C-alpha atoms as a PDB file:
ATOM      1  CA  MET A   1       5.878   5.095 -12.550  1.00  0.00           C
ATOM      2  CA  ASP A   2       5.566   7.170  -9.658  1.00  0.00           C
ATOM      3  CA  VAL A   3       5.070   5.530  -6.130  1.00  0.00           C
ATOM      4  CA  ARG A   4       1.494   6.154  -5.730  1.00  0.00           C
ATOM      5  CA  GLN A   5       1.112   5.293  -9.884  1.00  0.00           C
ATOM      6  CA  LYS A   6       3.094   1.616  -9.573  1.00  0.00           C
ATOM      7  CA  ILE A   7       0.424   1.045  -5.923  1.00  0.00           C
ATOM      8  CA  ALA A   8      -2.994   1.885  -7.473  1.00  0.00           C
ATOM      9  CA  ALA A   9      -1.483   0.195 -10.562  1.00  0.00           C
ATOM     10  CA  PHE A  10      -1.336  -2.827  -8.117  1.00  0.00           C
ATOM     11  CA  LEU A  11      -4.727  -2.575  -6.229  1.00  0.00           C
ATOM     12  CA  GLU A  12      -6.338  -1.653  -9.351  1.00  0.00           C
ATOM     13  CA  LYS A  13      -5.135  -4.945 -10.858  1.00  0.00           C
ATOM     14  CA  ARG A  14      -5.529  -7.093  -8.202  1.00  0.00           C
ATOM     15  CA  PHE A  15      -8.616  -6.269  -6.351  1.00  0.00           C
ATOM     16  CA  LEU A  16     -10.604  -4.295  -8.875  1.00  0.00           C
ATOM     17  CA  ILE A  17      -9.798  -1.394  -7.155  1.00  0.00           C
ATOM     18  CA  ASP A  18     -11.181   2.363  -9.039  1.00  0.00           C
ATOM     19  CA  PHE A  19     -10.157   5.320  -7.670  1.00  0.00           C
ATOM     20  CA  GLY A  20     -10.824   8.133  -9.236  1.00  0.00           C
ATOM     21  CA  THR A  21     -14.853   7.545  -8.292  1.00  0.00           C
ATOM     22  CA  LYS A  22     -16.554   6.289  -5.505  1.00  0.00           C
ATOM     23  CA  VAL A  23     -13.083   5.088  -4.120  1.00  0.00           C
ATOM     24  CA  THR A  24     -10.493   7.910  -3.080  1.00  0.00           C
ATOM     25  CA  ASP A  25      -6.716   8.159  -1.963  1.00  0.00           C
ATOM     26  CA  SER A  26      -8.096   8.405   1.248  1.00  0.00           C
ATOM     27  CA  THR A  27     -10.894   5.581   1.605  1.00  0.00           C
ATOM     28  CA  ASP A  28      -9.839   2.834   3.833  1.00  0.00           C
ATOM     29  CA  LEU A  29      -9.634   0.304   1.503  1.00  0.00           C
ATOM     30  CA  PHE A  30      -9.805  -3.202   4.706  1.00  0.00           C
ATOM     31  CA  VAL A  31     -13.452  -1.143   5.969  1.00  0.00           C
ATOM     32  CA  GLN A  32     -15.388  -0.778   2.883  1.00  0.00           C
ATOM     33  CA  GLY A  33     -13.693  -4.216   1.774  1.00  0.00           C
ATOM     34  CA  TYR A  34     -11.363  -3.909  -0.752  1.00  0.00           C
ATOM     35  CA  ILE A  35      -9.438  -5.964   0.784  1.00  0.00           C
ATOM     36  CA  ASP A  36      -9.386  -8.531   2.971  1.00  0.00           C
ATOM     37  CA  SER A  37      -6.559 -11.288   5.274  1.00  0.00           C
ATOM     38  CA  PHE A  38      -5.529 -12.269   2.358  1.00  0.00           C
ATOM     39  CA  GLY A  39      -5.462 -10.083  -0.088  1.00  0.00           C
ATOM     40  CA  PHE A  40      -3.661  -7.647   2.959  1.00  0.00           C
ATOM     41  CA  ILE A  41      -1.046 -10.440   2.698  1.00  0.00           C
ATOM     42  CA  GLU A  42      -0.854 -10.022  -1.297  1.00  0.00           C
ATOM     43  CA  LEU A  43       0.235  -6.423  -0.350  1.00  0.00           C
ATOM     44  CA  VAL A  44       3.189  -6.734   1.877  1.00  0.00           C
ATOM     45  CA  GLU A  45       4.578  -9.007  -0.622  1.00  0.00           C
ATOM     46  CA  PHE A  46       4.304  -6.934  -3.463  1.00  0.00           C
ATOM     47  CA  LEU A  47       5.447  -3.642  -1.538  1.00  0.00           C
ATOM     48  CA  GLU A  48       8.544  -5.584  -0.267  1.00  0.00           C
ATOM     49  CA  LYS A  49       9.378  -6.768  -3.756  1.00  0.00           C
ATOM     50  CA  GLU A  50       8.251  -3.926  -5.801  1.00  0.00           C
ATOM     51  CA  PHE A  51      10.153  -1.271  -3.618  1.00  0.00           C
ATOM     52  CA  GLY A  52      13.210  -3.682  -1.861  1.00  0.00           C
ATOM     53  CA  ILE A  53      12.117  -3.211   1.148  1.00  0.00           C
ATOM     54  CA  GLU A  54      11.474  -5.425   4.423  1.00  0.00           C
ATOM     55  CA  LEU A  55       8.451  -4.489   6.574  1.00  0.00           C
ATOM     56  CA  THR A  56       8.681  -4.717  10.504  1.00  0.00           C
ATOM     57  CA  GLN A  57       6.259  -6.377  12.332  1.00  0.00           C
ATOM     58  CA  ASP A  58       4.603  -2.865  13.843  1.00  0.00           C
ATOM     59  CA  GLU A  59       4.505  -1.790  10.229  1.00  0.00           C
ATOM     60  CA  ILE A  60       2.686  -4.458   9.460  1.00  0.00           C
ATOM     61  CA  MET A  61       0.204  -4.263  12.571  1.00  0.00           C
ATOM     62  CA  SER A  62      -0.082  -0.508  12.753  1.00  0.00           C
ATOM     63  CA  ARG A  63      -2.779   1.399  10.171  1.00  0.00           C
ATOM     64  CA  SER A  64      -0.604   2.860   8.084  1.00  0.00           C
ATOM     65  CA  LEU A  65      -1.169   0.719   5.221  1.00  0.00           C
ATOM     66  CA  ASN A  66      -5.033   1.370   5.000  1.00  0.00           C
ATOM     67  CA  SER A  67      -5.142   3.529   1.913  1.00  0.00           C
ATOM     68  CA  LEU A  68      -3.578   4.519  -1.009  1.00  0.00           C
ATOM     69  CA  GLU A  69      -2.044   7.674   0.614  1.00  0.00           C
ATOM     70  CA  GLN A  70      -1.472   6.226   3.889  1.00  0.00           C
ATOM     71  CA  ILE A  71       0.376   2.884   1.761  1.00  0.00           C
ATOM     72  CA  GLU A  72       2.668   5.466  -0.525  1.00  0.00           C
ATOM     73  CA  SER A  73       3.457   7.952   2.362  1.00  0.00           C
ATOM     74  CA  MET A  74       5.137   4.636   4.492  1.00  0.00           C
ATOM     75  CA  ILE A  75       6.394   3.757   1.538  1.00  0.00           C
ATOM     76  CA  ILE A  76       8.438   7.466   0.743  1.00  0.00           C
ATOM     77  CA  SER A  77       9.425   7.027   4.357  1.00  0.00           C
ATOM     78  CA  ARG A  78      11.077   3.989   4.080  1.00  0.00           C
ATOM     79  CA  LYS A  79      12.619   4.659   0.786  1.00  0.00           C
ATOM     80  CA  GLN A  80      14.385   7.588   3.016  1.00  0.00           C
ATOM     81  CA  LYS A  81      15.003   5.842   5.424  1.00  0.00           C
ATOM     82  CA  ASN A  82      16.971   3.084   4.187  1.00  0.00           C
ATOM     83  CA  GLN A  83      19.189   5.877   1.184  1.00  0.00           C
ATOM     84  CA  ALA A  84      20.588   7.795   5.018  1.00  0.00           C
ATOM     85  CA  LYS A  85      21.789   4.387   6.350  1.00  0.00           C
END
């Protein structure tokens, strides 16, 4: 399973999101009401555990975790930075 598939599977299972119908990869999951502040904490915990990263305060406070495509992009970027070290 690739990064996008892992994230989508988590979001679909935990938040009952059905990607491909009304929800696209670019849908803002917060504006549309799929994820609230408590769900955001769960999302961050999942991402850190699943991908072996620690999100910075700036990353958490940015709007880079609002849609599936934004989350995937941020995770790929972080993994590349970690590999370059």
